[in-house]
Amino acid sequence: MARIPYAPAGDPGADNALNLFRMLAHSPPVLAGFTKLGGALLLEGTLPARLREAAVLRVGHRAGAEYEVKKHTAIARRVGLSEAEIDALRVDADPGALDDACRTVLALVDELFQGIRASDAALSGVRRHLDDRQLVELVTTIGFYGLVCRVLETFDVDLEAPQ
C-alpha cells in the first residue's frame, strides 16, 4: 500500500492508468517534465532499445524496485531480449548470455548506481559501441530510471493489477 495517497481523481494526470503517474500527479509540473523526459528517452532516442532496456532493468534490480523490473521486463521482451538475457541482468547473475555491448552497459550502470562519476574504463567500454548522442541518452536513462525507482520505492507505489 502506498505511503501517501494517490492524487485525487480529476487532478491533472491523476486519471492515468499507471500508479506511478497517479503519484506524480500531486505535482502537475513535475509530472509534465517527467513524462516529457521519459517520452524522449523511450520514443525519440537513438540508443538501441535492447541496450536501453538492459540498463533500465539493471537499475531496477540494483534499486530493488519490483514495479520497475516487472514493467520493463515486458518491454525488454518486446524489444527482443531473450529470457536468458533478461535473467542475466540481475545483479547476482552470470552475464554470459549477454553480448559485449550489453556487458559494458551493465558496468556503466553499476558504477553510476554506486556513485556519480563513471570511471574512464567504464566510459571507454561503452564508447566502443555507442556514439556520443547514444552515450548521453544512456547516462540520462540511467539517471532517470534511478529517479523513477526512488519515487516508486519511497512512496511504495503499488503495482497495477494485471488487466
N, C-alpha and C. Protein backbone atom coordinates (compact mmCIF):
# COMPACT_ATOMS: atom_id res chain seq x y z
N MET A 1 0.84 -1.18 0.00
CA MET A 1 0.00 0.00 0.00
C MET A 1 0.89 1.25 0.00
N ALA A 2 0.51 2.19 -0.83
CA ALA A 2 1.29 3.42 -0.96
C ALA A 2 1.37 4.17 0.37
N ARG A 3 2.51 4.83 0.57
CA ARG A 3 2.76 5.54 1.82
C ARG A 3 2.04 6.88 1.91
N ILE A 4 1.69 7.46 0.76
CA ILE A 4 0.80 8.62 0.72
C ILE A 4 -0.27 8.29 -0.32
N PRO A 5 -1.43 8.92 -0.21
CA PRO A 5 -2.49 8.60 -1.19
C PRO A 5 -2.10 9.07 -2.59
N TYR A 6 -2.67 8.42 -3.57
CA TYR A 6 -2.51 8.87 -4.94
C TYR A 6 -3.27 10.20 -5.10
N ALA A 7 -2.88 10.99 -6.08
CA ALA A 7 -3.55 12.26 -6.31
C ALA A 7 -5.04 12.00 -6.55
N PRO A 8 -5.89 12.90 -6.08
CA PRO A 8 -7.33 12.70 -6.25
C PRO A 8 -7.74 12.68 -7.71
N ALA A 9 -8.73 11.88 -8.02
CA ALA A 9 -9.28 11.83 -9.38
C ALA A 9 -9.68 13.24 -9.78
N GLY A 10 -9.45 13.56 -11.03
CA GLY A 10 -9.76 14.89 -11.53
C GLY A 10 -8.57 15.83 -11.53
N ASP A 11 -7.56 15.56 -10.67
CA ASP A 11 -6.33 16.35 -10.73
C ASP A 11 -5.64 16.04 -12.05
N PRO A 12 -4.93 17.01 -12.63
CA PRO A 12 -4.23 16.74 -13.89
C PRO A 12 -3.30 15.53 -13.77
N GLY A 13 -3.53 14.52 -14.59
CA GLY A 13 -2.70 13.32 -14.58
C GLY A 13 -3.16 12.23 -13.63
N ALA A 14 -4.08 12.54 -12.73
CA ALA A 14 -4.49 11.57 -11.70
C ALA A 14 -5.34 10.45 -12.26
N ASP A 15 -5.89 10.63 -13.43
CA ASP A 15 -6.75 9.60 -14.01
C ASP A 15 -5.98 8.62 -14.89
N ASN A 16 -4.65 8.72 -14.89
CA ASN A 16 -3.81 7.80 -15.65
C ASN A 16 -3.94 6.40 -15.10
N ALA A 17 -3.77 5.41 -15.94
CA ALA A 17 -3.89 4.02 -15.51
C ALA A 17 -2.68 3.56 -14.70
N LEU A 18 -1.55 4.26 -14.81
CA LEU A 18 -0.34 3.83 -14.10
C LEU A 18 -0.23 4.54 -12.76
N ASN A 19 -0.06 3.76 -11.71
CA ASN A 19 0.04 4.32 -10.37
C ASN A 19 1.22 5.28 -10.22
N LEU A 20 2.31 5.03 -10.92
CA LEU A 20 3.44 5.95 -10.86
C LEU A 20 3.00 7.35 -11.26
N PHE A 21 2.25 7.47 -12.34
CA PHE A 21 1.79 8.78 -12.80
C PHE A 21 0.76 9.36 -11.84
N ARG A 22 -0.07 8.51 -11.27
CA ARG A 22 -1.06 8.97 -10.30
C ARG A 22 -0.37 9.54 -9.06
N MET A 23 0.78 8.98 -8.70
CA MET A 23 1.53 9.51 -7.56
C MET A 23 2.18 10.84 -7.93
N LEU A 24 2.81 10.90 -9.09
CA LEU A 24 3.46 12.13 -9.52
C LEU A 24 2.46 13.25 -9.80
N ALA A 25 1.20 12.90 -10.01
CA ALA A 25 0.18 13.91 -10.30
C ALA A 25 -0.04 14.86 -9.13
N HIS A 26 0.50 14.56 -7.96
CA HIS A 26 0.44 15.53 -6.86
C HIS A 26 1.12 16.84 -7.27
N SER A 27 2.08 16.78 -8.17
CA SER A 27 2.77 17.97 -8.67
C SER A 27 2.66 17.98 -10.19
N PRO A 28 1.65 18.64 -10.72
CA PRO A 28 1.48 18.67 -12.18
C PRO A 28 2.73 19.10 -12.95
N PRO A 29 3.50 20.11 -12.49
CA PRO A 29 4.70 20.45 -13.26
C PRO A 29 5.74 19.34 -13.26
N VAL A 30 5.87 18.64 -12.14
CA VAL A 30 6.82 17.52 -12.08
C VAL A 30 6.35 16.41 -13.02
N LEU A 31 5.08 16.09 -12.97
CA LEU A 31 4.54 15.05 -13.86
C LEU A 31 4.76 15.42 -15.32
N ALA A 32 4.52 16.68 -15.67
CA ALA A 32 4.70 17.10 -17.07
C ALA A 32 6.16 16.95 -17.51
N GLY A 33 7.09 17.39 -16.67
CA GLY A 33 8.51 17.25 -17.02
C GLY A 33 8.94 15.80 -17.06
N PHE A 34 8.44 15.03 -16.12
CA PHE A 34 8.75 13.61 -16.04
C PHE A 34 8.30 12.90 -17.31
N THR A 35 7.08 13.13 -17.73
CA THR A 35 6.57 12.43 -18.92
C THR A 35 7.27 12.92 -20.19
N LYS A 36 7.66 14.19 -20.21
CA LYS A 36 8.38 14.69 -21.39
C LYS A 36 9.75 14.03 -21.50
N LEU A 37 10.51 13.98 -20.41
CA LEU A 37 11.82 13.35 -20.46
C LEU A 37 11.70 11.85 -20.69
N GLY A 38 10.80 11.19 -19.98
CA GLY A 38 10.60 9.76 -20.17
C GLY A 38 10.21 9.42 -21.60
N GLY A 39 9.33 10.23 -22.18
CA GLY A 39 8.92 10.02 -23.56
C GLY A 39 10.08 10.22 -24.53
N ALA A 40 10.90 11.23 -24.27
CA ALA A 40 12.07 11.47 -25.13
C ALA A 40 13.01 10.27 -25.10
N LEU A 41 13.24 9.73 -23.92
CA LEU A 41 14.16 8.59 -23.80
C LEU A 41 13.59 7.33 -24.45
N LEU A 42 12.30 7.10 -24.28
CA LEU A 42 11.68 5.88 -24.81
C LEU A 42 11.32 5.97 -26.29
N LEU A 43 10.94 7.15 -26.75
CA LEU A 43 10.35 7.25 -28.09
C LEU A 43 11.18 8.03 -29.10
N GLU A 44 12.09 8.88 -28.63
CA GLU A 44 12.81 9.74 -29.55
C GLU A 44 14.32 9.51 -29.55
N GLY A 45 14.79 8.65 -28.69
CA GLY A 45 16.23 8.41 -28.60
C GLY A 45 16.75 7.52 -29.69
N THR A 46 18.07 7.55 -29.85
CA THR A 46 18.73 6.67 -30.82
C THR A 46 19.46 5.52 -30.14
N LEU A 47 19.47 5.52 -28.82
CA LEU A 47 20.06 4.41 -28.07
C LEU A 47 19.30 3.14 -28.43
N PRO A 48 20.00 2.07 -28.84
CA PRO A 48 19.28 0.83 -29.19
C PRO A 48 18.37 0.38 -28.04
N ALA A 49 17.14 0.05 -28.38
CA ALA A 49 16.13 -0.30 -27.37
C ALA A 49 16.60 -1.45 -26.48
N ARG A 50 17.31 -2.41 -27.03
CA ARG A 50 17.78 -3.55 -26.23
C ARG A 50 18.75 -3.07 -25.14
N LEU A 51 19.63 -2.15 -25.50
CA LEU A 51 20.59 -1.63 -24.51
C LEU A 51 19.89 -0.73 -23.50
N ARG A 52 18.94 0.05 -23.97
CA ARG A 52 18.16 0.91 -23.06
C ARG A 52 17.44 0.06 -22.01
N GLU A 53 16.78 -0.99 -22.47
CA GLU A 53 16.01 -1.82 -21.54
C GLU A 53 16.93 -2.63 -20.62
N ALA A 54 18.09 -3.03 -21.12
CA ALA A 54 19.06 -3.70 -20.25
C ALA A 54 19.48 -2.76 -19.13
N ALA A 55 19.73 -1.50 -19.47
CA ALA A 55 20.12 -0.51 -18.46
C ALA A 55 18.99 -0.29 -17.46
N VAL A 56 17.78 -0.13 -17.95
CA VAL A 56 16.64 0.12 -17.06
C VAL A 56 16.43 -1.06 -16.11
N LEU A 57 16.48 -2.26 -16.64
CA LEU A 57 16.30 -3.43 -15.77
C LEU A 57 17.40 -3.56 -14.74
N ARG A 58 18.64 -3.26 -15.14
CA ARG A 58 19.73 -3.34 -14.17
C ARG A 58 19.54 -2.30 -13.07
N VAL A 59 19.13 -1.08 -13.43
CA VAL A 59 18.84 -0.06 -12.42
C VAL A 59 17.73 -0.57 -11.50
N GLY A 60 16.67 -1.11 -12.08
CA GLY A 60 15.56 -1.63 -11.27
C GLY A 60 16.01 -2.72 -10.31
N HIS A 61 16.84 -3.63 -10.79
CA HIS A 61 17.36 -4.69 -9.91
C HIS A 61 18.24 -4.11 -8.82
N ARG A 62 19.11 -3.18 -9.18
CA ARG A 62 20.00 -2.57 -8.17
C ARG A 62 19.20 -1.85 -7.11
N ALA A 63 18.09 -1.23 -7.51
CA ALA A 63 17.26 -0.47 -6.57
C ALA A 63 16.29 -1.36 -5.80
N GLY A 64 16.15 -2.61 -6.20
CA GLY A 64 15.16 -3.48 -5.57
C GLY A 64 13.74 -3.02 -5.85
N ALA A 65 13.53 -2.43 -7.03
CA ALA A 65 12.23 -1.85 -7.40
C ALA A 65 11.44 -2.85 -8.24
N GLU A 66 10.62 -3.65 -7.57
CA GLU A 66 9.85 -4.70 -8.25
C GLU A 66 8.94 -4.11 -9.34
N TYR A 67 8.30 -2.98 -9.04
CA TYR A 67 7.42 -2.34 -10.02
C TYR A 67 8.18 -2.07 -11.32
N GLU A 68 9.35 -1.46 -11.19
CA GLU A 68 10.14 -1.10 -12.38
C GLU A 68 10.58 -2.36 -13.14
N VAL A 69 11.04 -3.35 -12.41
CA VAL A 69 11.51 -4.58 -13.04
C VAL A 69 10.37 -5.26 -13.79
N LYS A 70 9.21 -5.35 -13.17
CA LYS A 70 8.08 -6.03 -13.85
C LYS A 70 7.64 -5.27 -15.09
N LYS A 71 7.50 -3.96 -14.98
CA LYS A 71 7.06 -3.18 -16.14
C LYS A 71 8.06 -3.28 -17.30
N HIS A 72 9.34 -3.15 -16.98
CA HIS A 72 10.33 -3.12 -18.06
C HIS A 72 10.77 -4.50 -18.52
N THR A 73 10.47 -5.54 -17.76
CA THR A 73 10.70 -6.89 -18.28
C THR A 73 9.80 -7.13 -19.48
N ALA A 74 8.56 -6.69 -19.39
CA ALA A 74 7.64 -6.84 -20.53
C ALA A 74 8.14 -6.05 -21.74
N ILE A 75 8.65 -4.84 -21.50
CA ILE A 75 9.19 -4.03 -22.60
C ILE A 75 10.43 -4.70 -23.18
N ALA A 76 11.29 -5.22 -22.31
CA ALA A 76 12.51 -5.89 -22.77
C ALA A 76 12.18 -7.05 -23.70
N ARG A 77 11.16 -7.80 -23.36
CA ARG A 77 10.74 -8.91 -24.24
C ARG A 77 10.28 -8.37 -25.59
N ARG A 78 9.52 -7.28 -25.57
CA ARG A 78 9.01 -6.71 -26.82
C ARG A 78 10.12 -6.20 -27.72
N VAL A 79 11.23 -5.75 -27.14
CA VAL A 79 12.32 -5.23 -27.97
C VAL A 79 13.34 -6.31 -28.30
N GLY A 80 13.05 -7.56 -27.93
CA GLY A 80 13.86 -8.67 -28.41
C GLY A 80 14.85 -9.29 -27.43
N LEU A 81 14.87 -8.88 -26.18
CA LEU A 81 15.75 -9.57 -25.23
C LEU A 81 15.16 -10.95 -24.91
N SER A 82 16.01 -11.94 -24.90
CA SER A 82 15.59 -13.31 -24.59
C SER A 82 15.44 -13.47 -23.08
N GLU A 83 14.80 -14.54 -22.66
CA GLU A 83 14.67 -14.80 -21.22
C GLU A 83 16.04 -14.98 -20.58
N ALA A 84 16.97 -15.62 -21.29
CA ALA A 84 18.32 -15.80 -20.75
C ALA A 84 19.01 -14.45 -20.57
N GLU A 85 18.81 -13.55 -21.54
CA GLU A 85 19.41 -12.21 -21.41
C GLU A 85 18.76 -11.44 -20.26
N ILE A 86 17.45 -11.51 -20.16
CA ILE A 86 16.75 -10.82 -19.07
C ILE A 86 17.22 -11.35 -17.72
N ASP A 87 17.35 -12.65 -17.59
CA ASP A 87 17.85 -13.24 -16.33
C ASP A 87 19.27 -12.79 -16.02
N ALA A 88 20.09 -12.61 -17.05
CA ALA A 88 21.49 -12.22 -16.86
C ALA A 88 21.64 -10.77 -16.41
N LEU A 89 20.56 -10.01 -16.42
CA LEU A 89 20.61 -8.61 -16.00
C LEU A 89 20.49 -8.44 -14.48
N ARG A 90 20.12 -9.51 -13.80
CA ARG A 90 20.07 -9.43 -12.33
C ARG A 90 21.47 -9.19 -11.79
N VAL A 91 21.55 -8.57 -10.65
CA VAL A 91 22.84 -8.19 -10.07
C VAL A 91 23.70 -9.41 -9.77
N ASP A 92 23.09 -10.49 -9.31
CA ASP A 92 23.83 -11.68 -8.89
C ASP A 92 23.98 -12.72 -10.00
N ALA A 93 23.57 -12.38 -11.21
CA ALA A 93 23.54 -13.36 -12.30
C ALA A 93 24.86 -13.40 -13.07
N ASP A 94 25.07 -14.52 -13.74
CA ASP A 94 26.19 -14.68 -14.65
C ASP A 94 25.84 -13.93 -15.94
N PRO A 95 26.66 -12.97 -16.37
CA PRO A 95 26.34 -12.19 -17.57
C PRO A 95 26.70 -12.90 -18.87
N GLY A 96 27.00 -14.18 -18.83
CA GLY A 96 27.44 -14.91 -20.01
C GLY A 96 26.49 -14.89 -21.18
N ALA A 97 25.19 -14.71 -20.94
CA ALA A 97 24.21 -14.69 -22.04
C ALA A 97 24.20 -13.35 -22.77
N LEU A 98 24.92 -12.38 -22.24
CA LEU A 98 24.90 -11.03 -22.81
C LEU A 98 26.07 -10.79 -23.75
N ASP A 99 25.84 -9.97 -24.77
CA ASP A 99 26.94 -9.61 -25.68
C ASP A 99 27.81 -8.54 -25.02
N ASP A 100 28.91 -8.22 -25.67
CA ASP A 100 29.86 -7.27 -25.10
C ASP A 100 29.24 -5.89 -24.89
N ALA A 101 28.44 -5.42 -25.82
CA ALA A 101 27.81 -4.11 -25.68
C ALA A 101 26.95 -4.06 -24.42
N CYS A 102 26.18 -5.09 -24.20
CA CYS A 102 25.30 -5.13 -23.03
C CYS A 102 26.12 -5.21 -21.73
N ARG A 103 27.17 -5.99 -21.74
CA ARG A 103 28.02 -6.09 -20.54
C ARG A 103 28.67 -4.75 -20.21
N THR A 104 29.07 -3.99 -21.24
CA THR A 104 29.67 -2.67 -20.96
C THR A 104 28.61 -1.71 -20.42
N VAL A 105 27.38 -1.82 -20.91
CA VAL A 105 26.29 -1.00 -20.37
C VAL A 105 26.06 -1.33 -18.90
N LEU A 106 26.07 -2.62 -18.57
CA LEU A 106 25.87 -3.01 -17.16
C LEU A 106 26.98 -2.48 -16.27
N ALA A 107 28.21 -2.50 -16.77
CA ALA A 107 29.32 -1.97 -15.99
C ALA A 107 29.12 -0.48 -15.72
N LEU A 108 28.63 0.25 -16.71
CA LEU A 108 28.37 1.67 -16.53
C LEU A 108 27.22 1.88 -15.53
N VAL A 109 26.16 1.12 -15.67
CA VAL A 109 25.03 1.23 -14.73
C VAL A 109 25.53 0.99 -13.31
N ASP A 110 26.29 -0.07 -13.13
CA ASP A 110 26.77 -0.41 -11.79
C ASP A 110 27.59 0.72 -11.19
N GLU A 111 28.46 1.32 -11.98
CA GLU A 111 29.27 2.43 -11.46
C GLU A 111 28.42 3.65 -11.14
N LEU A 112 27.50 3.99 -12.02
CA LEU A 112 26.68 5.17 -11.79
C LEU A 112 25.63 4.95 -10.72
N PHE A 113 25.27 3.71 -10.48
CA PHE A 113 24.34 3.44 -9.39
C PHE A 113 25.03 3.62 -8.03
N GLN A 114 26.30 3.33 -8.01
CA GLN A 114 27.06 3.43 -6.76
C GLN A 114 27.70 4.79 -6.56
N GLY A 115 27.83 5.58 -7.59
CA GLY A 115 28.48 6.87 -7.49
C GLY A 115 27.98 7.81 -8.57
N ILE A 116 28.61 8.95 -8.66
CA ILE A 116 28.17 9.97 -9.60
C ILE A 116 28.96 9.96 -10.90
N ARG A 117 30.23 9.65 -10.83
CA ARG A 117 31.11 9.75 -11.99
C ARG A 117 31.57 8.36 -12.42
N ALA A 118 31.39 8.08 -13.72
CA ALA A 118 31.86 6.80 -14.26
C ALA A 118 33.38 6.85 -14.42
N SER A 119 34.00 5.71 -14.28
CA SER A 119 35.44 5.61 -14.50
C SER A 119 35.75 5.74 -15.99
N ASP A 120 36.99 6.06 -16.29
CA ASP A 120 37.42 6.11 -17.68
C ASP A 120 37.23 4.75 -18.35
N ALA A 121 37.49 3.68 -17.62
CA ALA A 121 37.37 2.33 -18.19
C ALA A 121 35.92 2.03 -18.57
N ALA A 122 34.97 2.35 -17.68
CA ALA A 122 33.56 2.07 -17.98
C ALA A 122 33.10 2.92 -19.15
N LEU A 123 33.49 4.19 -19.17
CA LEU A 123 33.08 5.08 -20.25
C LEU A 123 33.67 4.65 -21.59
N SER A 124 34.95 4.30 -21.60
CA SER A 124 35.56 3.89 -22.87
C SER A 124 34.99 2.55 -23.34
N GLY A 125 34.61 1.68 -22.41
CA GLY A 125 33.99 0.41 -22.80
C GLY A 125 32.70 0.64 -23.56
N VAL A 126 31.86 1.53 -23.05
CA VAL A 126 30.59 1.82 -23.71
C VAL A 126 30.82 2.57 -25.02
N ARG A 127 31.81 3.43 -25.06
CA ARG A 127 32.07 4.21 -26.28
C ARG A 127 32.49 3.33 -27.46
N ARG A 128 32.92 2.12 -27.19
CA ARG A 128 33.23 1.19 -28.30
C ARG A 128 31.95 0.82 -29.06
N HIS A 129 30.80 1.00 -28.42
CA HIS A 129 29.53 0.54 -29.00
C HIS A 129 28.55 1.66 -29.32
N LEU A 130 28.74 2.83 -28.73
CA LEU A 130 27.76 3.90 -28.87
C LEU A 130 28.42 5.19 -29.36
N ASP A 131 27.66 5.97 -30.11
CA ASP A 131 28.14 7.30 -30.48
C ASP A 131 27.84 8.27 -29.33
N ASP A 132 28.26 9.51 -29.48
CA ASP A 132 28.12 10.47 -28.39
C ASP A 132 26.66 10.72 -28.01
N ARG A 133 25.78 10.84 -28.98
CA ARG A 133 24.36 11.05 -28.67
C ARG A 133 23.82 9.87 -27.87
N GLN A 134 24.10 8.66 -28.32
CA GLN A 134 23.62 7.48 -27.62
C GLN A 134 24.20 7.40 -26.20
N LEU A 135 25.43 7.80 -26.05
CA LEU A 135 26.05 7.79 -24.73
C LEU A 135 25.36 8.77 -23.79
N VAL A 136 25.04 9.95 -24.29
CA VAL A 136 24.29 10.93 -23.48
C VAL A 136 22.93 10.35 -23.12
N GLU A 137 22.28 9.72 -24.07
CA GLU A 137 20.97 9.12 -23.79
C GLU A 137 21.08 8.00 -22.77
N LEU A 138 22.14 7.20 -22.84
CA LEU A 138 22.33 6.12 -21.88
C LEU A 138 22.52 6.65 -20.46
N VAL A 139 23.43 7.61 -20.30
CA VAL A 139 23.68 8.15 -18.96
C VAL A 139 22.42 8.82 -18.42
N THR A 140 21.69 9.52 -19.28
CA THR A 140 20.43 10.15 -18.85
C THR A 140 19.39 9.09 -18.49
N THR A 141 19.33 8.02 -19.25
CA THR A 141 18.40 6.92 -18.95
C THR A 141 18.71 6.32 -17.58
N ILE A 142 19.97 6.08 -17.31
CA ILE A 142 20.36 5.51 -16.02
C ILE A 142 19.94 6.43 -14.88
N GLY A 143 20.20 7.73 -15.04
CA GLY A 143 19.81 8.68 -14.00
C GLY A 143 18.30 8.80 -13.86
N PHE A 144 17.61 8.86 -14.99
CA PHE A 144 16.15 9.00 -14.97
C PHE A 144 15.50 7.81 -14.27
N TYR A 145 15.93 6.60 -14.63
CA TYR A 145 15.29 5.44 -14.02
C TYR A 145 15.73 5.23 -12.58
N GLY A 146 16.89 5.78 -12.21
CA GLY A 146 17.23 5.83 -10.79
C GLY A 146 16.25 6.69 -10.04
N LEU A 147 15.86 7.83 -10.63
CA LEU A 147 14.84 8.69 -10.06
C LEU A 147 13.50 7.96 -9.97
N VAL A 148 13.11 7.30 -11.06
CA VAL A 148 11.85 6.55 -11.07
C VAL A 148 11.83 5.56 -9.91
N CYS A 149 12.90 4.81 -9.74
CA CYS A 149 12.95 3.82 -8.66
C CYS A 149 12.87 4.47 -7.29
N ARG A 150 13.48 5.63 -7.13
CA ARG A 150 13.42 6.33 -5.85
C ARG A 150 11.99 6.76 -5.53
N VAL A 151 11.26 7.23 -6.53
CA VAL A 151 9.86 7.60 -6.33
C VAL A 151 9.04 6.35 -6.00
N LEU A 152 9.22 5.31 -6.80
CA LEU A 152 8.46 4.07 -6.58
C LEU A 152 8.68 3.50 -5.19
N GLU A 153 9.94 3.43 -4.79
CA GLU A 153 10.27 2.79 -3.51
C GLU A 153 9.98 3.70 -2.31
N THR A 154 10.21 4.99 -2.44
CA THR A 154 9.94 5.90 -1.32
C THR A 154 8.46 5.94 -0.99
N PHE A 155 7.62 5.96 -2.02
CA PHE A 155 6.19 6.04 -1.80
C PHE A 155 5.48 4.70 -1.86
N ASP A 156 6.23 3.59 -2.00
CA ASP A 156 5.62 2.25 -2.10
C ASP A 156 4.49 2.23 -3.12
N VAL A 157 4.78 2.71 -4.30
CA VAL A 157 3.78 2.74 -5.36
C VAL A 157 3.36 1.31 -5.68
N ASP A 158 2.07 1.08 -5.68
CA ASP A 158 1.52 -0.25 -5.91
C ASP A 158 1.59 -0.63 -7.39
N LEU A 159 1.96 -1.89 -7.63
CA LEU A 159 1.92 -2.44 -8.99
C LEU A 159 0.45 -2.62 -9.36
N GLU A 160 0.10 -2.18 -10.56
CA GLU A 160 -1.29 -2.31 -11.01
C GLU A 160 -1.66 -3.79 -11.15
N ALA A 161 -2.92 -4.09 -10.94
CA ALA A 161 -3.41 -5.44 -11.13
C ALA A 161 -3.35 -5.79 -12.61
N PRO A 162 -3.01 -7.04 -12.95
CA PRO A 162 -2.99 -7.44 -14.37
C PRO A 162 -4.36 -7.19 -15.01
N GLN A 163 -4.32 -6.78 -16.28
CA GLN A 163 -5.59 -6.48 -16.97
C GLN A 163 -5.89 -7.53 -17.99
